[in-house]
Amino acid sequence: MKAGKKEKKQVSLVEAWNKEHQPGLDVIVVKDDQTEEHTKTRSEAFMLGVCRDYPGHTAMIQLDGIRGCYMLERVRPA
């Protein structure tokens, strides 16, 4: 599967985030119910859905106190 515009944009988000930020950063995440929560990152940003030559489809990050991961677009430094 070939990467399109959307995938390339998401990869760029991951690269930019990881260049500027380290795990342990204080952040604010917009949760599913649209409330905001202060937390810290516990991973670098990464692409979800990576498979062979396909770079993945969504930029994600893991956060303290939150199970799973969140879309990077919903996270910002505090």
N, C-alpha and C. Protein backbone atom coordinates (compact mmCIF):
# COMPACT_ATOMS: atom_id res chain seq x y z
N MET A 1 0.85 -1.18 0.00
CA MET A 1 0.00 0.00 0.00
C MET A 1 0.90 1.24 0.00
N LYS A 2 0.57 2.19 -0.81
CA LYS A 2 1.35 3.41 -0.95
C LYS A 2 0.84 4.51 -0.02
N ALA A 3 1.76 5.26 0.54
CA ALA A 3 1.39 6.37 1.42
C ALA A 3 0.86 7.53 0.61
N GLY A 4 -0.26 8.09 1.05
CA GLY A 4 -0.85 9.26 0.41
C GLY A 4 -0.52 10.52 1.19
N LYS A 5 -1.21 11.59 0.82
CA LYS A 5 -0.99 12.90 1.47
C LYS A 5 -1.25 12.85 2.97
N LYS A 6 -2.36 12.20 3.35
CA LYS A 6 -2.73 12.13 4.77
C LYS A 6 -1.65 11.41 5.57
N GLU A 7 -1.18 10.29 5.06
CA GLU A 7 -0.16 9.52 5.77
C GLU A 7 1.14 10.32 5.88
N LYS A 8 1.53 10.99 4.81
CA LYS A 8 2.76 11.79 4.84
C LYS A 8 2.66 12.92 5.86
N LYS A 9 1.48 13.53 5.96
CA LYS A 9 1.27 14.59 6.96
C LYS A 9 1.43 14.03 8.37
N GLN A 10 0.87 12.84 8.61
CA GLN A 10 0.96 12.23 9.93
C GLN A 10 2.41 11.87 10.27
N VAL A 11 3.15 11.34 9.30
CA VAL A 11 4.56 11.01 9.53
C VAL A 11 5.33 12.28 9.87
N SER A 12 5.03 13.38 9.20
CA SER A 12 5.69 14.66 9.49
C SER A 12 5.40 15.13 10.91
N LEU A 13 4.16 14.92 11.37
CA LEU A 13 3.81 15.29 12.75
C LEU A 13 4.66 14.51 13.75
N VAL A 14 4.79 13.21 13.52
CA VAL A 14 5.59 12.37 14.41
C VAL A 14 7.05 12.83 14.43
N GLU A 15 7.61 13.04 13.25
CA GLU A 15 9.01 13.46 13.17
C GLU A 15 9.24 14.80 13.87
N ALA A 16 8.35 15.76 13.65
CA ALA A 16 8.50 17.08 14.27
C ALA A 16 8.36 16.98 15.79
N TRP A 17 7.37 16.23 16.26
CA TRP A 17 7.16 16.08 17.71
C TRP A 17 8.40 15.47 18.36
N ASN A 18 8.88 14.36 17.80
CA ASN A 18 10.02 13.67 18.40
C ASN A 18 11.31 14.48 18.34
N LYS A 19 11.43 15.35 17.36
CA LYS A 19 12.60 16.22 17.26
C LYS A 19 12.59 17.27 18.38
N GLU A 20 11.41 17.75 18.75
CA GLU A 20 11.27 18.84 19.73
C GLU A 20 11.02 18.37 21.16
N HIS A 21 10.50 17.16 21.36
CA HIS A 21 10.05 16.73 22.69
C HIS A 21 10.55 15.34 23.05
N GLN A 22 10.82 15.16 24.33
CA GLN A 22 11.23 13.87 24.88
C GLN A 22 10.09 13.29 25.72
N PRO A 23 10.05 11.96 25.89
CA PRO A 23 9.08 11.36 26.82
C PRO A 23 9.23 11.99 28.20
N GLY A 24 8.12 12.13 28.91
CA GLY A 24 8.12 12.77 30.23
C GLY A 24 7.69 14.22 30.19
N LEU A 25 7.34 14.71 29.01
CA LEU A 25 6.91 16.10 28.84
C LEU A 25 5.52 16.32 29.46
N ASP A 26 5.35 17.42 30.18
CA ASP A 26 4.02 17.82 30.67
C ASP A 26 3.19 18.25 29.48
N VAL A 27 1.99 17.66 29.37
CA VAL A 27 1.11 17.95 28.23
C VAL A 27 -0.34 18.09 28.69
N ILE A 28 -1.15 18.60 27.78
CA ILE A 28 -2.61 18.63 27.95
C ILE A 28 -3.19 17.81 26.81
N VAL A 29 -4.08 16.90 27.14
CA VAL A 29 -4.74 16.06 26.14
C VAL A 29 -6.22 16.38 26.13
N VAL A 30 -6.81 16.48 24.96
CA VAL A 30 -8.26 16.63 24.81
C VAL A 30 -8.83 15.22 24.72
N LYS A 31 -9.56 14.82 25.77
CA LYS A 31 -10.10 13.46 25.84
C LYS A 31 -11.32 13.30 24.95
N ASP A 32 -11.82 12.07 24.86
CA ASP A 32 -12.96 11.76 24.00
C ASP A 32 -14.21 12.56 24.34
N ASP A 33 -14.38 12.89 25.63
CA ASP A 33 -15.57 13.66 26.05
C ASP A 33 -15.33 15.17 25.94
N GLN A 34 -14.23 15.56 25.27
CA GLN A 34 -13.83 16.95 25.02
C GLN A 34 -13.31 17.69 26.25
N THR A 35 -13.15 17.00 27.39
CA THR A 35 -12.51 17.62 28.54
C THR A 35 -11.00 17.57 28.34
N GLU A 36 -10.29 18.46 29.01
CA GLU A 36 -8.83 18.48 28.93
C GLU A 36 -8.25 17.92 30.21
N GLU A 37 -7.14 17.19 30.06
CA GLU A 37 -6.48 16.60 31.22
C GLU A 37 -4.98 16.87 31.13
N HIS A 38 -4.40 17.29 32.26
CA HIS A 38 -2.95 17.46 32.34
C HIS A 38 -2.34 16.10 32.65
N THR A 39 -1.28 15.74 31.94
CA THR A 39 -0.58 14.48 32.15
C THR A 39 0.84 14.63 31.60
N LYS A 40 1.53 13.51 31.47
CA LYS A 40 2.88 13.50 30.89
C LYS A 40 2.92 12.44 29.79
N THR A 41 3.79 12.66 28.83
CA THR A 41 3.99 11.64 27.80
C THR A 41 4.83 10.51 28.39
N ARG A 42 4.57 9.29 27.95
CA ARG A 42 5.39 8.17 28.39
C ARG A 42 6.01 7.41 27.22
N SER A 43 5.93 8.01 26.04
CA SER A 43 6.58 7.43 24.86
C SER A 43 6.93 8.54 23.90
N GLU A 44 7.70 8.19 22.89
CA GLU A 44 7.85 9.07 21.75
C GLU A 44 6.57 8.93 20.92
N ALA A 45 6.33 9.87 20.04
CA ALA A 45 5.22 9.74 19.10
C ALA A 45 5.56 8.62 18.11
N PHE A 46 4.53 7.97 17.59
CA PHE A 46 4.73 6.86 16.66
C PHE A 46 3.54 6.77 15.71
N MET A 47 3.72 6.02 14.64
CA MET A 47 2.66 5.83 13.66
C MET A 47 1.92 4.53 13.95
N LEU A 48 0.61 4.60 13.96
CA LEU A 48 -0.23 3.42 14.13
C LEU A 48 -0.51 2.81 12.76
N GLY A 49 -0.43 1.51 12.65
CA GLY A 49 -0.76 0.82 11.41
C GLY A 49 0.41 0.60 10.47
N VAL A 50 1.64 0.68 10.99
CA VAL A 50 2.81 0.45 10.15
C VAL A 50 2.83 -1.00 9.69
N CYS A 51 3.09 -1.20 8.40
CA CYS A 51 3.11 -2.55 7.84
C CYS A 51 3.99 -2.57 6.60
N ARG A 52 5.08 -3.29 6.65
CA ARG A 52 6.03 -3.41 5.54
C ARG A 52 6.41 -2.04 4.99
N ASP A 53 6.02 -1.72 3.76
CA ASP A 53 6.41 -0.44 3.16
C ASP A 53 5.38 0.66 3.39
N TYR A 54 4.32 0.36 4.13
CA TYR A 54 3.30 1.35 4.46
C TYR A 54 3.68 2.02 5.78
N PRO A 55 3.76 3.36 5.80
CA PRO A 55 4.26 4.06 6.99
C PRO A 55 3.27 4.16 8.15
N GLY A 56 2.06 3.70 7.98
CA GLY A 56 1.04 3.83 9.01
C GLY A 56 0.05 4.92 8.64
N HIS A 57 -0.99 5.09 9.48
CA HIS A 57 -2.06 6.01 9.11
C HIS A 57 -2.35 7.11 10.12
N THR A 58 -1.96 6.95 11.39
CA THR A 58 -2.31 7.94 12.40
C THR A 58 -1.16 8.14 13.38
N ALA A 59 -0.81 9.41 13.64
CA ALA A 59 0.22 9.76 14.62
C ALA A 59 -0.37 9.59 16.02
N MET A 60 0.34 8.84 16.88
CA MET A 60 -0.15 8.53 18.22
C MET A 60 0.94 8.76 19.25
N ILE A 61 0.51 8.79 20.55
CA ILE A 61 1.45 8.90 21.66
C ILE A 61 0.82 8.27 22.89
N GLN A 62 1.66 7.71 23.77
CA GLN A 62 1.17 7.13 25.02
C GLN A 62 1.34 8.15 26.13
N LEU A 63 0.36 8.16 27.06
CA LEU A 63 0.31 9.16 28.13
C LEU A 63 0.18 8.50 29.49
N ASP A 64 0.78 9.11 30.52
CA ASP A 64 0.66 8.61 31.89
C ASP A 64 -0.79 8.62 32.33
N GLY A 65 -1.21 7.54 32.98
CA GLY A 65 -2.54 7.47 33.57
C GLY A 65 -3.66 7.24 32.58
N ILE A 66 -3.32 7.05 31.32
CA ILE A 66 -4.34 6.83 30.29
C ILE A 66 -3.98 5.54 29.56
N ARG A 67 -4.90 4.60 29.57
CA ARG A 67 -4.67 3.32 28.92
C ARG A 67 -4.66 3.48 27.41
N GLY A 68 -3.79 2.75 26.75
CA GLY A 68 -3.71 2.82 25.30
C GLY A 68 -2.93 4.05 24.86
N CYS A 69 -3.37 4.65 23.78
CA CYS A 69 -2.67 5.82 23.26
C CYS A 69 -3.69 6.83 22.70
N TYR A 70 -3.21 8.03 22.48
CA TYR A 70 -4.07 9.10 21.95
C TYR A 70 -3.49 9.65 20.67
N MET A 71 -4.36 10.18 19.83
CA MET A 71 -3.92 10.82 18.60
C MET A 71 -3.05 12.02 18.98
N LEU A 72 -1.92 12.14 18.34
CA LEU A 72 -0.98 13.21 18.62
C LEU A 72 -1.60 14.58 18.39
N GLU A 73 -2.53 14.67 17.46
CA GLU A 73 -3.20 15.95 17.18
C GLU A 73 -4.03 16.46 18.36
N ARG A 74 -4.31 15.57 19.33
CA ARG A 74 -5.12 15.97 20.49
C ARG A 74 -4.26 16.26 21.72
N VAL A 75 -2.94 16.31 21.53
CA VAL A 75 -2.00 16.53 22.64
C VAL A 75 -1.17 17.77 22.34
N ARG A 76 -0.97 18.59 23.37
CA ARG A 76 -0.11 19.78 23.23
C ARG A 76 0.68 19.98 24.50
N PRO A 77 1.88 20.56 24.36
CA PRO A 77 2.67 20.83 25.57
C PRO A 77 1.91 21.74 26.53
N ALA A 78 2.07 21.49 27.83
CA ALA A 78 1.38 22.30 28.85
C ALA A 78 2.12 23.60 29.07
